[in-house]
Amino acid sequence: MRRVRGADRRRAGIPGMVLAAEAILSRNPHPAEEEVREGLSGNICRCTGYNAIVRAVLNAAKEGDGLW
């Protein structure tokens, strides 16, 4: 599995982000970027500003096709 640089910088918000990402991908295995941003909006991230996390979720959707 490839890591997206900066997506896990401080790790304090990662559990919530992982759960949100799983919920997003369970509802829609191929979400648009706006859907990912909306799905993650309830989680506070002071480290990365969400861009790296959004890319990581979109990458998981692309590379994990069939897992969700």
C-alpha atoms as a PDB file:
ATOM      1  CA  MET A   1       0.000   0.000   0.000  1.00  0.00           C
ATOM      2  CA  ARG A   2       1.355   3.424  -0.926  1.00  0.00           C
ATOM      3  CA  ARG A   3       1.357   6.209   1.624  1.00  0.00           C
ATOM      4  CA  VAL A   4       0.328   9.711   0.648  1.00  0.00           C
ATOM      5  CA  ARG A   5       2.961  12.052   2.009  1.00  0.00           C
ATOM      6  CA  GLY A   6       1.631  14.049   4.962  1.00  0.00           C
ATOM      7  CA  ALA A   7      -1.653  12.139   5.246  1.00  0.00           C
ATOM      8  CA  ASP A   8      -0.718  10.829   8.700  1.00  0.00           C
ATOM      9  CA  ARG A   9       1.558  13.584   9.986  1.00  0.00           C
ATOM     10  CA  ARG A  10       0.400  13.813  13.608  1.00  0.00           C
ATOM     11  CA  ARG A  11      -2.039  10.936  13.746  1.00  0.00           C
ATOM     12  CA  ALA A  12      -4.377  12.392  16.412  1.00  0.00           C
ATOM     13  CA  GLY A  13      -7.295  12.699  13.997  1.00  0.00           C
ATOM     14  CA  ILE A  14      -6.551   9.554  12.018  1.00  0.00           C
ATOM     15  CA  PRO A  15      -9.037   7.203  13.777  1.00  0.00           C
ATOM     16  CA  GLY A  16     -11.960   9.498  12.939  1.00  0.00           C
ATOM     17  CA  MET A  17     -10.696  10.020   9.411  1.00  0.00           C
ATOM     18  CA  VAL A  18     -10.337   6.265   8.852  1.00  0.00           C
ATOM     19  CA  LEU A  19     -13.871   5.611  10.092  1.00  0.00           C
ATOM     20  CA  ALA A  20     -15.240   8.458   7.959  1.00  0.00           C
ATOM     21  CA  ALA A  21     -13.339   7.206   4.908  1.00  0.00           C
ATOM     22  CA  GLU A  22     -14.687   3.682   5.412  1.00  0.00           C
ATOM     23  CA  ALA A  23     -18.238   5.058   5.680  1.00  0.00           C
ATOM     24  CA  ILE A  24     -17.781   7.141   2.522  1.00  0.00           C
ATOM     25  CA  LEU A  25     -16.417   4.210   0.529  1.00  0.00           C
ATOM     26  CA  SER A  26     -19.069   1.826   1.859  1.00  0.00           C
ATOM     27  CA  ARG A  27     -21.820   4.143   0.616  1.00  0.00           C
ATOM     28  CA  ASN A  28     -20.101   4.895  -2.687  1.00  0.00           C
ATOM     29  CA  PRO A  29     -17.020   2.916  -3.755  1.00  0.00           C
ATOM     30  CA  HIS A  30     -16.155   5.568  -6.369  1.00  0.00           C
ATOM     31  CA  PRO A  31     -16.873   8.947  -4.739  1.00  0.00           C
ATOM     32  CA  ALA A  32     -16.185  12.299  -6.334  1.00  0.00           C
ATOM     33  CA  GLU A  33     -13.753  14.615  -4.556  1.00  0.00           C
ATOM     34  CA  GLU A  34     -16.624  16.786  -3.296  1.00  0.00           C
ATOM     35  CA  GLU A  35     -18.292  13.725  -1.722  1.00  0.00           C
ATOM     36  CA  VAL A  36     -15.050  12.863   0.080  1.00  0.00           C
ATOM     37  CA  ARG A  37     -14.619  16.426   1.339  1.00  0.00           C
ATOM     38  CA  GLU A  38     -18.209  16.504   2.571  1.00  0.00           C
ATOM     39  CA  GLY A  39     -17.839  13.105   4.245  1.00  0.00           C
ATOM     40  CA  LEU A  40     -14.682  14.183   6.061  1.00  0.00           C
ATOM     41  CA  SER A  41     -16.018  17.607   7.041  1.00  0.00           C
ATOM     42  CA  GLY A  42     -17.072  16.458  10.510  1.00  0.00           C
ATOM     43  CA  ASN A  43     -13.466  15.656  11.457  1.00  0.00           C
ATOM     44  CA  ILE A  44     -11.041  18.333  12.558  1.00  0.00           C
ATOM     45  CA  CYS A  45      -7.568  18.173  11.060  1.00  0.00           C
ATOM     46  CA  ARG A  46      -4.997  20.726  12.131  1.00  0.00           C
ATOM     47  CA  CYS A  47      -2.066  19.005  10.458  1.00  0.00           C
ATOM     48  CA  THR A  48      -2.615  18.611   6.749  1.00  0.00           C
ATOM     49  CA  GLY A  49      -5.544  20.790   5.824  1.00  0.00           C
ATOM     50  CA  TYR A  50      -7.407  17.756   4.409  1.00  0.00           C
ATOM     51  CA  ASN A  51      -5.847  17.769   0.914  1.00  0.00           C
ATOM     52  CA  ALA A  52      -3.549  14.808   1.560  1.00  0.00           C
ATOM     53  CA  ILE A  53      -6.346  12.919   3.320  1.00  0.00           C
ATOM     54  CA  VAL A  54      -8.766  13.544   0.451  1.00  0.00           C
ATOM     55  CA  ARG A  55      -6.136  12.285  -2.002  1.00  0.00           C
ATOM     56  CA  ALA A  56      -5.594   9.196   0.177  1.00  0.00           C
ATOM     57  CA  VAL A  57      -9.324   8.370   0.194  1.00  0.00           C
ATOM     58  CA  LEU A  58      -9.606   8.897  -3.569  1.00  0.00           C
ATOM     59  CA  ASN A  59      -6.523   6.716  -4.051  1.00  0.00           C
ATOM     60  CA  ALA A  60      -8.042   4.001  -1.849  1.00  0.00           C
ATOM     61  CA  ALA A  61     -11.214   4.132  -3.954  1.00  0.00           C
ATOM     62  CA  LYS A  62      -9.176   3.741  -7.126  1.00  0.00           C
ATOM     63  CA  GLU A  63      -6.691   1.101  -5.977  1.00  0.00           C
ATOM     64  CA  GLY A  64      -9.045  -0.775  -3.670  1.00  0.00           C
ATOM     65  CA  ASP A  65     -11.686  -1.373  -6.307  1.00  0.00           C
ATOM     66  CA  GLY A  66     -13.888  -4.218  -5.139  1.00  0.00           C
ATOM     67  CA  LEU A  67     -12.883  -3.997  -1.469  1.00  0.00           C
ATOM     68  CA  TRP A  68     -15.691  -1.695  -0.418  1.00  0.00           C
END
